[in-house]
Amino acid sequence: MAPTMPSDLTEFVIVEGNGVKGLSEIGLKSLPREYIQPLEERMMNVVGGDSIPIIDMSNWDDQKVEDEICDAAEKWGFFQVINHGVPLHVLEKVKDATHRFYEMEAEEKVKYSKENSASKHVRYGSSFSPESEKALEWKDYLSLFYVSDHEAATMWPPPCRDEALEYMKRSEILIKRLLNVLLKRLNVSEIDEKNEALFMGSKRINLNYYPICPNHDLTVAIGRHSDVSTLTVLLQDEIGGLHVRAPNHHDWIHVSPISGALVINIGDALQVMSNGRYKSIEHRVSANGSKTRVSVPIFVNPRPSDVIGPLPQVLANGEQAMYKNVVYSDYVKYFFRKPHDGKMTVEYVKI
């Protein structure tokens, strides 16, 4: 008998917690219409042979490496780092833990949904913003906002809790190094106790799951957007599917997975603070018709209560501010209230 579509898609995917993983496992032969994206969101001219910079961080205090990092942040907004100091077994374990979480029964996963979660900092869901999207995205996610070790220990799902926390902690040195290098070019001498909160005062880790998708070319796993973070540190598996906007602003470049590498990208907060010098670039993830993919981004952010705007050190030489000051939590709320729409959130704070 041919697999049948659940009569109420929202009930099945969201309310019961089956996610798109549940839809994929029914063995549907065609994509539900709710996931069919407008043609302009599916069209993508991918440039072959071009790639974002790959930076070897084994000599991270070498001036040449520092220049490569800052140049990549200015031109591309994205780069991959190898020999970055985060142990490879930590990366493997968090990928395994991501699969383990999604292998749980729907009734276990749904305990962490927006409606049921015991903590507002722990969210399991599907797509991006189902209530505002014209077409849904083919992705399930678990989003964990870090408040304290104690909250993580008691509130994060046991199948992935320790591995997610370990990955976040072991990436701290890398994050600080990258930010210190990037800020030096902005005339900020270094991250200290006074300014640390503004650049890296809060963190969120997502465990993303992209199951096999029927008619995968009719939808997207994640639509065009830029991150609202200061920096994003992304671990992707070997499947691939992440595309970033090329410097010509028209074409797309596939970020080919490199074993053991981490993908770093500039977020909107750092674009605003650098007064546009560093670029937070549009990116998207394509759906896959033959393989399931996972990715684990760490979003490094200001604290929600911080005000972001062009840094005084950047404007000290008389440069005109391109962005207004905004409370970071207001910026984030604006982003989450609408579907993925490219760079429209940054436009919202332009002067």
Protein backbone atom coordinates (compact mmCIF):
# COMPACT_ATOMS: atom_id res chain seq x y z
CA MET A 1 0.00 0.00 0.00
CA ALA A 2 1.31 3.48 -0.88
CA PRO A 3 2.26 5.60 2.15
CA THR A 4 -0.38 8.16 3.03
CA MET A 5 0.07 11.72 4.08
CA PRO A 6 -1.02 12.59 7.64
CA SER A 7 -4.44 14.27 7.43
CA ASP A 8 -3.27 17.17 9.61
CA LEU A 9 0.34 17.96 8.78
CA THR A 10 0.84 20.52 11.58
CA GLU A 11 -0.57 18.11 14.15
CA PHE A 12 1.74 15.30 12.98
CA VAL A 13 4.93 17.34 12.49
CA ILE A 14 4.72 19.98 15.23
CA VAL A 15 2.14 19.01 17.88
CA GLU A 16 2.97 15.29 18.03
CA GLY A 17 6.69 16.01 17.61
CA ASN A 18 7.34 13.73 14.62
CA GLY A 19 9.11 16.53 12.75
CA VAL A 20 10.08 16.21 9.10
CA LYS A 21 12.01 13.11 10.19
CA GLY A 22 8.59 11.49 10.75
CA LEU A 23 7.42 12.55 7.28
CA SER A 24 10.61 11.20 5.72
CA GLU A 25 10.21 7.85 7.47
CA ILE A 26 6.64 7.33 6.26
CA GLY A 27 8.26 6.94 2.84
CA LEU A 28 6.29 9.65 1.02
CA LYS A 29 6.94 9.64 -2.71
CA SER A 30 6.09 13.29 -3.19
CA LEU A 31 6.75 16.41 -1.16
CA PRO A 32 3.75 17.81 0.80
CA ARG A 33 2.61 21.07 -0.84
CA GLU A 34 3.24 22.97 2.44
CA TYR A 35 6.98 22.49 1.80
CA ILE A 36 7.06 23.57 -1.84
CA GLN A 37 9.05 26.80 -1.97
CA PRO A 38 8.39 29.66 -4.43
CA LEU A 39 10.45 29.27 -7.59
CA GLU A 40 12.74 32.22 -6.75
CA GLU A 41 13.77 30.52 -3.48
CA ARG A 42 14.68 27.31 -5.32
CA MET A 43 16.65 28.89 -8.16
CA MET A 44 20.33 28.87 -7.38
CA ASN A 45 23.30 29.49 -9.63
CA VAL A 46 26.10 27.54 -7.93
CA VAL A 47 29.63 28.45 -9.02
CA GLY A 48 31.84 25.40 -9.45
CA GLY A 49 35.50 25.46 -8.50
CA ASP A 50 35.15 28.44 -6.14
CA SER A 51 35.48 27.97 -2.39
CA ILE A 52 35.54 30.03 0.78
CA PRO A 53 39.01 30.47 2.34
CA ILE A 54 40.51 27.57 4.33
CA ILE A 55 42.75 28.81 7.15
CA ASP A 56 45.26 26.68 9.02
CA MET A 57 45.31 27.86 12.64
CA SER A 58 48.27 25.80 13.83
CA ASN A 59 50.31 29.05 14.02
CA TRP A 60 47.42 31.22 15.07
CA ASP A 61 49.58 34.07 16.45
CA ASP A 62 51.40 34.44 13.12
CA GLN A 63 50.57 37.81 11.52
CA LYS A 64 49.93 36.10 8.19
CA VAL A 65 47.20 33.92 9.78
CA GLU A 66 45.68 36.97 11.49
CA ASP A 67 45.57 38.79 8.14
CA GLU A 68 43.94 35.78 6.45
CA ILE A 69 41.20 35.70 9.11
CA CYS A 70 40.43 39.42 8.84
CA ASP A 71 40.61 39.46 5.03
CA ALA A 72 38.22 36.50 4.86
CA ALA A 73 35.82 38.26 7.24
CA GLU A 74 35.89 41.41 5.09
CA LYS A 75 35.53 39.80 1.67
CA TRP A 76 33.69 36.51 2.22
CA GLY A 77 32.12 36.65 5.69
CA PHE A 78 32.79 32.89 5.80
CA PHE A 79 35.88 30.71 6.14
CA GLN A 80 36.86 27.22 7.29
CA VAL A 81 39.48 26.60 9.97
CA ILE A 82 41.66 23.51 10.31
CA ASN A 83 44.06 22.67 13.18
CA HIS A 84 41.79 24.83 15.31
CA GLY A 85 42.47 23.15 18.65
CA VAL A 86 39.00 21.69 19.27
CA PRO A 87 39.65 17.94 19.71
CA LEU A 88 38.30 15.85 16.84
CA HIS A 89 36.75 13.29 19.22
CA VAL A 90 34.64 16.10 20.71
CA LEU A 91 33.33 16.94 17.22
CA GLU A 92 32.56 13.30 16.42
CA LYS A 93 30.78 12.79 19.72
CA VAL A 94 28.45 15.77 19.28
CA LYS A 95 27.50 14.58 15.77
CA ASP A 96 26.72 11.12 17.19
CA ALA A 97 24.73 12.72 20.02
CA THR A 98 22.68 14.71 17.47
CA HIS A 99 21.68 11.47 15.73
CA ARG A 100 20.92 9.95 19.14
CA PHE A 101 18.54 12.75 20.10
CA TYR A 102 16.59 12.45 16.84
CA GLU A 103 16.39 8.68 17.16
CA MET A 104 14.26 9.13 20.30
CA GLU A 105 10.53 8.46 20.03
CA ALA A 106 8.39 11.48 19.04
CA GLU A 107 6.68 11.50 22.45
CA GLU A 108 10.11 11.94 24.09
CA LYS A 109 11.28 14.69 21.74
CA VAL A 110 7.99 16.61 21.98
CA LYS A 111 8.62 17.12 25.72
CA TYR A 112 11.15 19.75 24.59
CA SER A 113 8.84 21.63 22.17
CA LYS A 114 7.90 25.26 22.71
CA GLU A 115 4.54 24.24 24.21
CA ASN A 116 5.93 21.55 26.55
CA SER A 117 9.53 22.44 27.43
CA ALA A 118 10.26 22.94 31.12
CA SER A 119 12.72 25.70 30.15
CA LYS A 120 12.31 28.58 27.70
CA HIS A 121 15.99 28.02 26.86
CA VAL A 122 15.37 24.54 25.40
CA ARG A 123 13.37 24.24 22.17
CA TYR A 124 12.72 21.35 19.82
CA GLY A 125 10.90 22.25 16.62
CA SER A 126 10.63 22.02 12.86
CA SER A 127 11.16 24.54 10.04
CA PHE A 128 12.07 28.10 11.15
CA SER A 129 8.98 30.15 11.89
CA PRO A 130 5.99 28.00 10.81
CA GLU A 131 3.39 30.62 11.79
CA SER A 132 4.88 33.25 9.45
CA GLU A 133 6.28 31.16 6.57
CA LYS A 134 4.54 30.84 3.22
CA ALA A 135 6.37 27.53 2.70
CA LEU A 136 7.94 25.36 5.36
CA GLU A 137 11.61 24.37 5.52
CA TRP A 138 12.72 20.72 5.57
CA LYS A 139 14.57 20.76 8.91
CA ASP A 140 14.14 19.69 12.53
CA TYR A 141 16.14 21.41 15.25
CA LEU A 142 16.95 21.35 18.94
CA SER A 143 17.99 24.79 20.18
CA LEU A 144 19.82 25.07 23.51
CA PHE A 145 20.48 28.53 24.96
CA TYR A 146 23.28 28.30 27.51
CA VAL A 147 22.56 29.91 30.88
CA SER A 148 24.60 27.83 33.34
CA ASP A 149 26.13 24.39 33.76
CA HIS A 150 23.43 23.64 36.31
CA GLU A 151 20.58 24.45 33.93
CA ALA A 152 22.23 22.47 31.13
CA ALA A 153 22.65 19.48 33.45
CA THR A 154 19.01 19.53 34.54
CA MET A 155 17.15 20.79 31.46
CA TRP A 156 19.05 19.73 28.31
CA PRO A 157 17.99 16.34 26.84
CA PRO A 158 20.16 13.53 28.32
CA PRO A 159 21.02 11.85 24.94
CA CYS A 160 22.99 14.92 23.80
CA ARG A 161 23.45 17.12 26.90
CA ASP A 162 27.05 16.28 27.85
CA GLU A 163 28.34 16.22 24.27
CA ALA A 164 26.74 19.58 23.35
CA LEU A 165 28.12 21.20 26.49
CA GLU A 166 31.59 19.75 25.93
CA TYR A 167 31.66 20.98 22.29
CA MET A 168 30.61 24.46 23.45
CA LYS A 169 33.24 24.60 26.20
CA ARG A 170 36.08 23.19 24.10
CA SER A 171 35.42 25.78 21.36
CA GLU A 172 35.75 28.71 23.79
CA ILE A 173 39.51 29.22 23.24
CA LEU A 174 39.04 29.20 19.45
CA ILE A 175 36.18 31.71 19.67
CA LYS A 176 38.19 34.08 21.86
CA ARG A 177 41.23 33.84 19.56
CA LEU A 178 39.17 34.58 16.46
CA LEU A 179 37.40 37.53 18.09
CA ASN A 180 40.65 39.00 19.43
CA VAL A 181 42.15 38.86 15.93
CA LEU A 182 39.07 40.38 14.28
CA LEU A 183 38.73 43.12 16.90
CA LYS A 184 42.40 44.08 16.65
CA ARG A 185 41.75 45.22 13.07
CA LEU A 186 38.89 47.35 14.46
CA ASN A 187 41.30 49.05 16.90
CA VAL A 188 39.90 47.21 19.92
CA SER A 189 43.03 46.18 21.81
CA GLU A 190 41.65 42.94 23.27
CA ILE A 191 38.67 41.24 24.83
CA ASP A 192 38.71 41.96 28.55
CA GLU A 193 36.23 41.63 31.41
CA LYS A 194 34.60 44.95 30.47
CA ASN A 195 33.80 44.19 26.83
CA GLU A 196 33.63 40.38 26.82
CA ALA A 197 29.86 40.35 27.41
CA LEU A 198 29.23 42.56 24.37
CA PHE A 199 31.06 40.22 21.98
CA MET A 200 30.44 36.81 23.51
CA GLY A 201 28.12 37.28 26.49
CA SER A 202 25.62 34.61 25.45
CA LYS A 203 25.72 31.38 23.47
CA ARG A 204 23.23 29.10 21.79
CA ILE A 205 23.92 25.69 20.32
CA ASN A 206 21.60 24.08 17.75
CA LEU A 207 21.46 20.42 16.80
CA ASN A 208 20.04 20.46 13.26
CA TYR A 209 18.65 17.42 11.46
CA TYR A 210 17.89 17.28 7.73
CA PRO A 211 16.31 13.93 6.79
CA ILE A 212 16.07 12.49 3.27
CA CYS A 213 13.54 14.53 1.31
CA PRO A 214 11.27 13.51 -1.61
CA ASN A 215 11.37 16.02 -4.54
CA HIS A 216 14.20 17.73 -2.66
CA ASP A 217 14.72 20.29 -5.43
CA LEU A 218 11.26 21.77 -4.71
CA THR A 219 12.12 22.88 -1.18
CA VAL A 220 14.99 24.11 1.03
CA ALA A 221 16.34 22.84 4.33
CA ILE A 222 17.08 26.40 5.48
CA GLY A 223 16.12 29.50 3.49
CA ARG A 224 18.32 32.49 2.65
CA HIS A 225 19.38 34.38 5.79
CA SER A 226 22.33 35.80 7.67
CA ASP A 227 22.91 34.92 11.33
CA VAL A 228 22.10 37.42 14.09
CA SER A 229 25.21 36.37 16.06
CA THR A 230 28.60 38.00 16.56
CA LEU A 231 30.24 34.82 15.23
CA THR A 232 28.91 31.39 14.32
CA VAL A 233 31.04 28.25 14.65
CA LEU A 234 29.52 25.47 12.55
CA LEU A 235 30.30 21.78 12.60
CA GLN A 236 28.92 20.01 9.54
CA ASP A 237 29.04 16.33 8.68
CA GLU A 238 30.43 14.94 5.40
CA ILE A 239 27.15 15.19 3.44
CA GLY A 240 27.32 18.85 2.34
CA GLY A 241 24.51 21.20 1.36
CA LEU A 242 25.54 24.55 2.85
CA HIS A 243 25.70 27.33 0.24
CA VAL A 244 26.92 30.88 0.80
CA ARG A 245 26.36 33.96 -1.34
CA ALA A 246 29.40 34.71 -3.52
CA PRO A 247 31.14 38.11 -3.22
CA ASN A 248 29.44 39.16 -6.50
CA HIS A 249 26.10 38.94 -4.56
CA HIS A 250 24.48 36.85 -7.32
CA ASP A 251 25.95 33.36 -7.39
CA TRP A 252 26.21 30.77 -4.65
CA ILE A 253 29.23 28.75 -3.48
CA HIS A 254 28.96 25.29 -1.95
CA VAL A 255 30.91 24.94 1.31
CA SER A 256 32.44 21.51 0.74
CA PRO A 257 32.85 19.62 4.01
CA ILE A 258 36.45 19.09 5.17
CA SER A 259 36.97 16.36 7.73
CA GLY A 260 37.74 17.89 11.14
CA ALA A 261 37.26 21.50 9.97
CA LEU A 262 34.90 24.08 11.45
CA VAL A 263 33.07 26.68 9.37
CA ILE A 264 33.22 30.19 10.82
CA ASN A 265 30.93 32.98 9.75
CA ILE A 266 30.44 36.59 10.72
CA GLY A 267 27.01 37.41 12.15
CA ASP A 268 24.92 40.58 11.87
CA ALA A 269 25.99 41.81 15.32
CA LEU A 270 29.65 41.97 14.22
CA GLN A 271 28.72 43.52 10.86
CA VAL A 272 26.91 46.28 12.79
CA MET A 273 29.72 46.71 15.37
CA SER A 274 32.38 46.85 12.62
CA ASN A 275 30.23 49.45 10.78
CA GLY A 276 30.01 47.16 7.77
CA ARG A 277 33.71 46.32 7.51
CA TYR A 278 33.07 42.64 8.33
CA LYS A 279 30.28 41.05 6.33
CA SER A 280 27.56 38.75 7.58
CA ILE A 281 26.72 36.86 4.41
CA GLU A 282 23.52 35.24 3.25
CA HIS A 283 23.59 31.47 3.32
CA ARG A 284 21.15 28.61 2.86
CA VAL A 285 21.00 24.83 3.07
CA SER A 286 19.64 22.66 0.29
CA ALA A 287 17.53 19.56 0.98
CA ASN A 288 18.95 16.14 0.04
CA GLY A 289 17.13 13.35 -1.74
CA SER A 290 19.43 10.49 -0.78
CA LYS A 291 21.15 11.18 2.56
CA THR A 292 20.34 12.50 6.02
CA ARG A 293 22.55 15.38 7.17
CA VAL A 294 23.27 16.88 10.60
CA SER A 295 24.97 20.14 11.55
CA VAL A 296 25.79 21.72 14.91
CA PRO A 297 26.22 25.51 14.97
CA ILE A 298 27.30 27.47 18.05
CA PHE A 299 25.97 31.04 17.91
CA VAL A 300 28.17 33.44 19.88
CA ASN A 301 26.16 36.56 20.73
CA PRO A 302 26.03 39.73 22.78
CA ARG A 303 23.86 39.45 25.90
CA PRO A 304 20.17 40.13 25.19
CA SER A 305 20.29 43.39 27.20
CA ASP A 306 23.39 44.78 25.41
CA VAL A 307 23.09 47.68 22.97
CA ILE A 308 24.83 47.00 19.65
CA GLY A 309 25.95 49.70 17.25
CA PRO A 310 29.16 50.73 15.45
CA LEU A 311 32.02 50.56 17.96
CA PRO A 312 33.46 53.94 19.09
CA GLN A 313 36.96 52.67 18.12
CA VAL A 314 35.73 52.16 14.53
CA LEU A 315 34.21 55.64 14.33
CA ALA A 316 37.18 57.35 16.07
CA ASN A 317 38.74 58.42 12.75
CA GLY A 318 35.60 60.27 11.65
CA GLU A 319 33.91 57.40 9.79
CA GLN A 320 30.12 57.92 9.49
CA ALA A 321 27.97 55.42 11.38
CA MET A 322 26.00 53.23 8.94
CA TYR A 323 23.82 51.63 11.62
CA LYS A 324 21.81 52.89 14.56
CA ASN A 325 22.19 51.57 18.09
CA VAL A 326 19.68 48.87 19.00
CA VAL A 327 19.05 46.65 22.02
CA TYR A 328 20.25 43.22 20.94
CA SER A 329 17.12 41.36 22.16
CA ASP A 330 14.94 43.70 20.02
CA TYR A 331 17.10 42.88 16.99
CA VAL A 332 16.74 39.14 17.63
CA LYS A 333 12.96 39.38 18.15
CA TYR A 334 12.62 41.19 14.82
CA PHE A 335 14.56 38.36 13.11
CA PHE A 336 12.43 35.58 14.60
CA ARG A 337 9.10 37.28 13.88
CA LYS A 338 9.38 36.76 10.13
CA PRO A 339 10.42 34.04 7.69
CA HIS A 340 13.98 33.80 6.40
CA ASP A 341 14.37 36.74 4.02
CA GLY A 342 18.01 37.26 3.22
CA LYS A 343 19.56 40.35 4.79
CA MET A 344 16.37 42.20 5.72
CA THR A 345 17.15 42.20 9.47
CA VAL A 346 20.34 44.22 8.94
CA GLU A 347 18.39 46.63 6.71
CA TYR A 348 16.15 47.29 9.72
CA VAL A 349 19.00 48.98 11.65
CA LYS A 350 20.57 50.84 8.73
CA ILE A 351 20.66 54.61 9.05
